[in-house]
Amino acid sequence: MLGKMFRVSLLGESHGKAVGVLIEGCPPGLKMSEEDIDEMLALRSPGSIRFTSRRREPDKAEIMSGVFKGYTTGAPILILIYNKDVDSSPYEKMRFKPRPGHADYTAYVKYRGFNDYRGGGMFSGRLTAGLVAAGAVAKKILSLEGIEVYAYLREVGGVKSTVRNVEELKKAYESPFYCPDLDAVEKFREVLVDAAWAGDSVGGVVEGVAVNVPVGLGEPPIDTLEGDLAKALFAIPAAKGVEFGSGFKLAEMRGSEANDEYVVRNGRIVTLTNNSGGILGGISNGMPIVVRVAFKPTPSISRRQRTVDLRTMEETWIRVEGRHDVCIAIRAVPVVDAVMSIVLADHLLRWYAWTGIRY
């Protein structure tokens, strides 16, 4: 479960009847509709981008509880997204041959072979539909304070993009591959074509940015804001690295370079730089929260790879069949957006409780 006051639990499996999310702690009186959720779900769907999975799910949310006459009631919100385009036949062939890079082997051992192996079961990226649905609800809470969250595709296969300001960032979802840097997009396309022709895949980096975040979100020493964000972001399948602000580059700097100096601008205390990524001491400092998430290459590739037959314990070969993304990071962009929104909504409600401020 994610969160303490705004609590999110995922449910379902990739090839089961449905995936979904249970949201507890959502305040009453927020205007909410299935169309609001579908709008965000559409961003996560493969759509017309060539290098994403050929699985075509309609991804229409059904709100089962917690919303009445267009407003949240304060009761738990259950949202289901039914699986319609399912083909489990390739996974029956691979049932006892764990795919390299996937959770097949670890899940088989942990759950003694009773886990749903079709499409990766509960370890599939399909479950991120529930996170995105919850993110749509979370954004309603964030809007109470004018907090806005954005994400874009920063890097693909080592090729980096450049986004200079928030105005460009706001256009990310209007652009190919969720990246407003069109020069970088063309280079992304070349990298993806090469990988696809080779029967291979590439990794990528997604950057998330939250603006208008008030000073004071975060509950140190344990529930730090970046700690909770990192935990939640690592719940996204294939996420293998998280950094805030200048991240690992801070290890190369001197203190005089890394420190964000304070100044007053328009009556507000701000910093000249944002190497900290908007968080100090586990608490938001009022500057934009900047986080980058590294996603590994899609492990399902058509090239022949070594594995082991779990029935005989003999080494063998596998060629993964099915419908898969060349780069997972593309479709992870709205997921990072949603996950940041979930965590910030939880901490905003906790901030209200701490300060006595009412929305």
Protein backbone atom coordinates (compact mmCIF):
# COMPACT_ATOMS: atom_id res chain seq x y z
CA MET A 1 0.00 0.00 0.00
CA LEU A 2 1.18 3.51 -0.82
CA GLY A 3 0.45 6.39 1.54
CA LYS A 4 -0.75 7.03 5.07
CA MET A 5 -3.74 9.36 4.60
CA PHE A 6 -4.30 8.96 0.85
CA ARG A 7 -3.86 5.19 0.59
CA VAL A 8 -3.53 3.31 -2.68
CA SER A 9 -3.65 -0.48 -3.18
CA LEU A 10 -3.35 -2.20 -6.56
CA LEU A 11 -5.25 -5.32 -7.60
CA GLY A 12 -5.53 -7.72 -10.52
CA GLU A 13 -3.20 -9.51 -12.93
CA SER A 14 -2.10 -8.85 -16.48
CA HIS A 15 -4.29 -11.56 -18.05
CA GLY A 16 -6.96 -11.76 -15.36
CA LYS A 17 -10.45 -10.31 -15.67
CA ALA A 18 -9.39 -6.82 -14.62
CA VAL A 19 -6.80 -4.63 -13.00
CA GLY A 20 -7.67 -1.80 -10.70
CA VAL A 21 -7.03 0.26 -7.62
CA LEU A 22 -8.58 0.84 -4.20
CA ILE A 23 -8.18 4.38 -2.88
CA GLU A 24 -8.84 5.12 0.78
CA GLY A 25 -8.75 8.50 2.48
CA CYS A 26 -9.87 10.63 -0.43
CA PRO A 27 -11.72 13.70 0.92
CA PRO A 28 -15.40 14.17 0.05
CA GLY A 29 -16.68 16.83 -2.29
CA LEU A 30 -14.13 16.58 -5.10
CA LYS A 31 -15.66 16.67 -8.57
CA MET A 32 -14.92 13.31 -10.19
CA SER A 33 -15.98 11.35 -13.26
CA GLU A 34 -14.89 8.26 -15.16
CA GLU A 35 -13.98 10.58 -18.04
CA ASP A 36 -11.41 12.34 -15.81
CA ILE A 37 -9.72 9.00 -15.20
CA ASP A 38 -10.01 7.81 -18.80
CA GLU A 39 -8.20 10.94 -19.95
CA MET A 40 -5.11 9.95 -17.97
CA LEU A 41 -5.44 6.27 -18.85
CA ALA A 42 -5.35 7.20 -22.54
CA LEU A 43 -1.86 8.62 -22.04
CA ARG A 44 -0.63 5.26 -20.71
CA SER A 45 -2.17 3.23 -23.55
CA PRO A 46 0.08 2.24 -26.49
CA GLY A 47 -1.92 4.37 -28.91
CA SER A 48 -0.31 4.86 -32.31
CA ILE A 49 3.33 4.92 -31.21
CA ARG A 50 5.09 2.28 -33.26
CA PHE A 51 7.53 1.07 -30.64
CA THR A 52 5.04 0.19 -27.91
CA SER A 53 3.14 -3.05 -27.30
CA ARG A 54 0.60 -4.19 -29.89
CA ARG A 55 -1.77 -5.11 -27.06
CA ARG A 56 -4.73 -2.79 -27.51
CA GLU A 57 -6.78 -2.39 -24.35
CA PRO A 58 -9.64 0.15 -24.31
CA ASP A 59 -8.70 1.10 -20.73
CA LYS A 60 -12.06 2.48 -19.68
CA ALA A 61 -12.37 3.04 -15.95
CA GLU A 62 -15.40 1.87 -14.02
CA ILE A 63 -15.87 3.57 -10.67
CA MET A 64 -17.48 0.99 -8.43
CA SER A 65 -17.72 3.01 -5.22
CA GLY A 66 -16.79 6.26 -3.53
CA VAL A 67 -18.27 8.63 -6.14
CA PHE A 68 -21.91 9.71 -6.16
CA LYS A 69 -23.63 12.29 -8.37
CA GLY A 70 -20.27 13.38 -9.74
CA TYR A 71 -18.50 13.98 -6.41
CA THR A 72 -16.32 11.93 -4.10
CA THR A 73 -18.21 10.79 -1.01
CA GLY A 74 -15.32 10.13 1.38
CA ALA A 75 -15.87 6.37 1.10
CA PRO A 76 -13.17 4.13 -0.41
CA ILE A 77 -12.98 4.53 -4.18
CA LEU A 78 -12.74 1.29 -6.13
CA ILE A 79 -11.81 1.63 -9.80
CA LEU A 80 -11.73 -1.34 -12.17
CA ILE A 81 -10.22 -1.48 -15.66
CA TYR A 82 -11.22 -4.64 -17.50
CA ASN A 83 -8.76 -6.64 -19.61
CA LYS A 84 -10.18 -7.13 -23.09
CA ASP A 85 -7.26 -7.87 -25.44
CA VAL A 86 -5.61 -10.92 -23.85
CA ASP A 87 -3.57 -13.66 -25.53
CA SER A 88 -2.09 -16.07 -22.99
CA SER A 89 -0.93 -18.76 -25.44
CA PRO A 90 2.75 -17.69 -25.55
CA TYR A 91 2.95 -17.83 -21.75
CA GLU A 92 1.66 -21.39 -21.59
CA LYS A 93 4.64 -22.44 -23.69
CA MET A 94 7.08 -20.59 -21.42
CA ARG A 95 5.50 -21.52 -18.11
CA PHE A 96 8.47 -23.48 -16.75
CA LYS A 97 11.16 -21.51 -18.59
CA PRO A 98 11.66 -18.23 -16.73
CA ARG A 99 12.31 -15.29 -19.00
CA PRO A 100 15.64 -13.55 -18.29
CA GLY A 101 15.14 -10.12 -16.75
CA HIS A 102 11.59 -10.88 -15.58
CA ALA A 103 10.17 -11.86 -12.19
CA ASP A 104 9.18 -15.33 -13.46
CA TYR A 105 11.79 -17.22 -11.44
CA THR A 106 11.56 -15.20 -8.22
CA ALA A 107 7.74 -15.33 -8.28
CA TYR A 108 7.78 -19.08 -8.97
CA VAL A 109 9.94 -19.68 -5.89
CA LYS A 110 8.21 -17.21 -3.56
CA TYR A 111 4.68 -18.37 -4.40
CA ARG A 112 5.57 -22.06 -4.85
CA GLY A 113 4.41 -22.10 -8.46
CA PHE A 114 0.87 -20.91 -7.69
CA ASN A 115 1.37 -17.42 -9.09
CA ASP A 116 -0.43 -16.30 -12.25
CA TYR A 117 2.36 -16.47 -14.82
CA ARG A 118 0.33 -15.18 -17.78
CA GLY A 119 1.74 -11.91 -19.01
CA GLY A 120 3.79 -11.59 -15.83
CA GLY A 121 0.72 -11.72 -13.56
CA MET A 122 0.83 -9.04 -10.88
CA PHE A 123 4.38 -8.11 -11.86
CA SER A 124 3.26 -6.84 -15.25
CA GLY A 125 3.35 -3.22 -16.34
CA ARG A 126 -0.37 -3.69 -16.96
CA LEU A 127 -0.97 -2.96 -13.28
CA THR A 128 0.31 0.59 -13.76
CA ALA A 129 -3.16 1.34 -15.17
CA GLY A 130 -4.32 1.31 -11.54
CA LEU A 131 -1.58 3.74 -10.54
CA VAL A 132 -2.55 6.10 -13.35
CA ALA A 133 -6.21 5.93 -12.32
CA ALA A 134 -5.24 6.79 -8.74
CA GLY A 135 -3.06 9.59 -10.06
CA ALA A 136 -6.10 11.14 -11.73
CA VAL A 137 -7.86 11.22 -8.35
CA ALA A 138 -4.74 12.55 -6.62
CA LYS A 139 -4.52 15.45 -9.05
CA LYS A 140 -7.95 16.60 -7.87
CA ILE A 141 -6.51 16.96 -4.36
CA LEU A 142 -3.38 18.73 -5.59
CA SER A 143 -5.50 21.24 -7.48
CA LEU A 144 -6.73 22.54 -4.11
CA GLU A 145 -3.29 24.12 -3.66
CA GLY A 146 -2.54 24.75 -7.33
CA ILE A 147 0.13 22.01 -7.37
CA GLU A 148 0.85 20.74 -10.88
CA VAL A 149 2.82 17.63 -11.83
CA TYR A 150 4.39 16.97 -15.23
CA ALA A 151 6.63 14.30 -16.70
CA TYR A 152 8.46 13.76 -19.97
CA LEU A 153 10.81 11.32 -21.67
CA ARG A 154 14.27 12.66 -20.91
CA GLU A 155 16.45 9.92 -22.35
CA VAL A 156 16.26 6.85 -24.63
CA GLY A 157 19.14 4.45 -25.15
CA GLY A 158 21.70 7.05 -24.02
CA VAL A 159 20.27 9.87 -26.17
CA LYS A 160 19.24 12.81 -24.00
CA SER A 161 16.63 15.50 -24.56
CA THR A 162 16.58 19.08 -23.31
CA VAL A 163 13.61 20.85 -21.76
CA ARG A 164 14.38 24.44 -20.83
CA ASN A 165 11.35 25.55 -18.84
CA VAL A 166 7.97 24.56 -17.44
CA GLU A 167 6.12 25.96 -20.43
CA GLU A 168 7.91 23.48 -22.69
CA LEU A 169 7.32 20.75 -20.15
CA LYS A 170 3.57 21.35 -20.26
CA LYS A 171 3.58 20.41 -23.95
CA ALA A 172 5.17 17.00 -23.42
CA TYR A 173 1.95 15.02 -23.90
CA GLU A 174 1.27 16.84 -27.16
CA SER A 175 4.54 15.68 -28.69
CA PRO A 176 5.85 12.36 -30.05
CA PHE A 177 7.20 10.02 -27.36
CA TYR A 178 6.02 12.48 -24.66
CA CYS A 179 9.05 14.69 -25.25
CA PRO A 180 8.81 18.35 -26.35
CA ASP A 181 12.40 18.35 -27.68
CA LEU A 182 11.64 17.41 -31.29
CA ASP A 183 15.32 17.17 -32.27
CA ALA A 184 15.84 14.55 -29.58
CA VAL A 185 12.67 12.75 -30.67
CA GLU A 186 14.15 12.09 -34.11
CA LYS A 187 17.25 10.62 -32.48
CA PHE A 188 15.03 8.54 -30.18
CA ARG A 189 13.32 7.15 -33.25
CA GLU A 190 16.64 6.09 -34.80
CA VAL A 191 17.70 4.29 -31.62
CA LEU A 192 14.35 2.50 -31.39
CA VAL A 193 14.40 1.42 -35.04
CA ASP A 194 17.88 -0.06 -34.63
CA ALA A 195 16.84 -1.96 -31.50
CA ALA A 196 13.63 -3.23 -33.07
CA TRP A 197 15.43 -4.53 -36.16
CA ALA A 198 17.91 -6.34 -33.91
CA GLY A 199 15.10 -7.99 -31.95
CA ASP A 200 16.31 -6.07 -28.91
CA SER A 201 15.19 -3.27 -26.59
CA VAL A 202 16.55 -0.13 -24.92
CA GLY A 203 16.18 1.60 -21.58
CA GLY A 204 15.32 5.19 -20.84
CA VAL A 205 14.93 7.94 -18.26
CA VAL A 206 11.73 9.77 -17.32
CA GLU A 207 11.88 13.09 -15.51
CA GLY A 208 9.04 14.27 -13.31
CA VAL A 209 8.56 17.85 -12.13
CA ALA A 210 6.08 19.22 -9.57
CA VAL A 211 5.55 22.98 -9.34
CA ASN A 212 3.73 25.24 -6.85
CA VAL A 213 4.51 22.80 -4.03
CA PRO A 214 4.27 24.60 -0.66
CA VAL A 215 7.12 24.60 1.82
CA GLY A 216 6.68 21.91 4.47
CA LEU A 217 5.56 18.67 2.83
CA GLY A 218 7.34 15.63 4.26
CA GLU A 219 7.40 13.79 7.58
CA PRO A 220 11.02 13.21 8.67
CA PRO A 221 12.94 11.44 10.01
CA ILE A 222 11.39 8.32 8.42
CA ASP A 223 8.63 9.41 6.04
CA THR A 224 10.76 11.92 4.17
CA LEU A 225 9.24 13.32 1.00
CA GLU A 226 11.97 11.99 -1.27
CA GLY A 227 11.94 8.67 0.61
CA ASP A 228 8.23 8.16 -0.01
CA LEU A 229 8.58 9.32 -3.62
CA ALA A 230 11.44 6.89 -4.20
CA LYS A 231 9.52 3.98 -2.66
CA ALA A 232 6.50 4.70 -4.83
CA LEU A 233 8.52 5.20 -8.00
CA PHE A 234 10.29 1.90 -7.45
CA ALA A 235 6.85 0.26 -7.43
CA ILE A 236 6.73 0.94 -11.18
CA PRO A 237 7.89 -2.21 -12.99
CA ALA A 238 11.36 -1.88 -14.58
CA ALA A 239 12.35 1.16 -12.51
CA LYS A 240 15.96 0.62 -11.40
CA GLY A 241 17.21 4.05 -10.38
CA VAL A 242 15.85 7.26 -8.83
CA GLU A 243 17.61 10.59 -8.30
CA PHE A 244 16.51 14.04 -7.18
CA GLY A 245 17.78 17.37 -8.44
CA SER A 246 21.40 17.02 -9.55
CA GLY A 247 21.38 13.50 -8.12
CA PHE A 248 24.60 11.54 -8.48
CA LYS A 249 26.36 14.56 -9.98
CA LEU A 250 26.35 16.06 -6.49
CA ALA A 251 29.02 13.54 -5.55
CA GLU A 252 31.34 15.26 -8.06
CA MET A 253 30.71 18.81 -6.78
CA ARG A 254 32.13 20.96 -4.04
CA GLY A 255 29.81 22.39 -1.44
CA SER A 256 30.17 25.84 -2.98
CA GLU A 257 28.78 24.42 -6.24
CA ALA A 258 26.11 22.16 -4.75
CA ASN A 259 24.54 24.51 -2.21
CA ASP A 260 21.38 26.29 -3.36
CA GLU A 261 21.75 29.90 -2.16
CA TYR A 262 18.69 31.75 -0.85
CA VAL A 263 17.35 35.02 -2.25
CA VAL A 264 14.06 36.94 -2.08
CA ARG A 265 12.04 37.26 -5.27
CA ASN A 266 8.59 38.90 -5.32
CA GLY A 267 8.32 38.56 -1.56
CA ARG A 268 9.17 34.84 -1.57
CA ILE A 269 12.29 33.05 -0.40
CA VAL A 270 13.64 31.02 -3.31
CA THR A 271 16.97 29.49 -4.28
CA LEU A 272 19.17 30.56 -7.18
CA THR A 273 19.73 26.94 -8.20
CA ASN A 274 17.82 23.73 -7.54
CA ASN A 275 20.48 21.08 -7.06
CA SER A 276 18.44 19.65 -4.17
CA GLY A 277 15.48 18.99 -6.44
CA GLY A 278 13.08 20.96 -4.25
CA ILE A 279 13.59 18.89 -1.10
CA LEU A 280 15.84 19.56 1.92
CA GLY A 281 15.85 17.52 5.12
CA GLY A 282 13.10 15.38 3.63
CA ILE A 283 10.82 18.44 3.42
CA SER A 284 9.73 20.41 0.35
CA ASN A 285 11.40 23.82 0.18
CA GLY A 286 9.01 25.51 -2.25
CA MET A 287 11.15 25.04 -5.36
CA PRO A 288 10.08 22.65 -8.15
CA ILE A 289 10.46 19.02 -7.15
CA VAL A 290 12.58 17.36 -9.81
CA VAL A 291 13.06 13.59 -9.94
CA ARG A 292 14.45 11.28 -12.61
CA VAL A 293 13.65 7.58 -12.91
CA ALA A 294 15.84 5.16 -14.86
CA PHE A 295 14.03 2.28 -16.55
CA LYS A 296 15.84 -0.82 -17.70
CA PRO A 297 15.44 -2.15 -21.25
CA THR A 298 12.32 -4.23 -21.84
CA PRO A 299 13.38 -7.75 -20.79
CA SER A 300 11.04 -9.43 -23.30
CA ILE A 301 13.07 -9.53 -26.51
CA SER A 302 12.86 -11.85 -29.50
CA ARG A 303 16.54 -12.77 -29.44
CA ARG A 304 17.43 -16.25 -28.20
CA GLN A 305 18.55 -16.32 -24.55
CA ARG A 306 19.68 -18.89 -22.02
CA THR A 307 17.37 -20.09 -19.27
CA VAL A 308 16.60 -23.19 -17.19
CA ASP A 309 13.68 -25.63 -17.40
CA LEU A 310 12.29 -25.59 -13.85
CA ARG A 311 10.88 -29.11 -14.23
CA THR A 312 14.14 -30.80 -15.19
CA MET A 313 16.70 -28.28 -13.88
CA GLU A 314 18.42 -28.48 -17.23
CA GLU A 315 19.81 -25.50 -19.12
CA THR A 316 17.90 -24.60 -22.25
CA TRP A 317 17.10 -21.71 -24.61
CA ILE A 318 14.14 -19.38 -24.88
CA ARG A 319 12.87 -16.95 -27.48
CA VAL A 320 10.20 -14.75 -25.95
CA GLU A 321 6.96 -14.46 -27.89
CA GLY A 322 4.14 -12.01 -27.32
CA ARG A 323 3.52 -8.28 -27.67
CA HIS A 324 6.08 -6.04 -26.02
CA ASP A 325 7.45 -2.49 -25.96
CA VAL A 326 10.86 -1.75 -27.49
CA CYS A 327 11.31 0.85 -24.73
CA ILE A 328 9.25 0.65 -21.54
CA ALA A 329 10.19 4.20 -20.56
CA ILE A 330 7.90 5.73 -23.19
CA ARG A 331 4.71 4.50 -21.56
CA ALA A 332 6.18 5.06 -18.10
CA VAL A 333 5.94 8.84 -18.54
CA PRO A 334 2.29 9.18 -17.40
CA VAL A 335 2.94 6.57 -14.70
CA VAL A 336 5.73 8.67 -13.16
CA ASP A 337 3.40 11.66 -13.38
CA ALA A 338 0.66 9.70 -11.57
CA VAL A 339 2.90 8.23 -8.88
CA MET A 340 4.35 11.64 -8.00
CA SER A 341 0.79 12.97 -7.78
CA ILE A 342 -0.24 10.15 -5.42
CA VAL A 343 2.63 10.76 -3.01
CA LEU A 344 2.24 14.53 -3.05
CA ALA A 345 -1.50 14.22 -2.44
CA ASP A 346 -0.84 11.99 0.56
CA HIS A 347 1.69 14.43 2.00
CA LEU A 348 -0.56 17.40 1.29
CA LEU A 349 -3.35 15.81 3.34
CA ARG A 350 -0.85 15.05 6.09
CA TRP A 351 0.29 18.69 5.93
CA TYR A 352 -3.32 19.82 6.35
CA ALA A 353 -3.65 17.58 9.40
CA TRP A 354 -0.37 18.89 10.86
CA THR A 355 -1.04 22.60 10.32
CA GLY A 356 -4.79 22.58 10.88
CA ILE A 357 -5.31 24.12 7.46
CA ARG A 358 -8.56 22.99 5.83
CA TYR A 359 -8.99 22.58 2.11
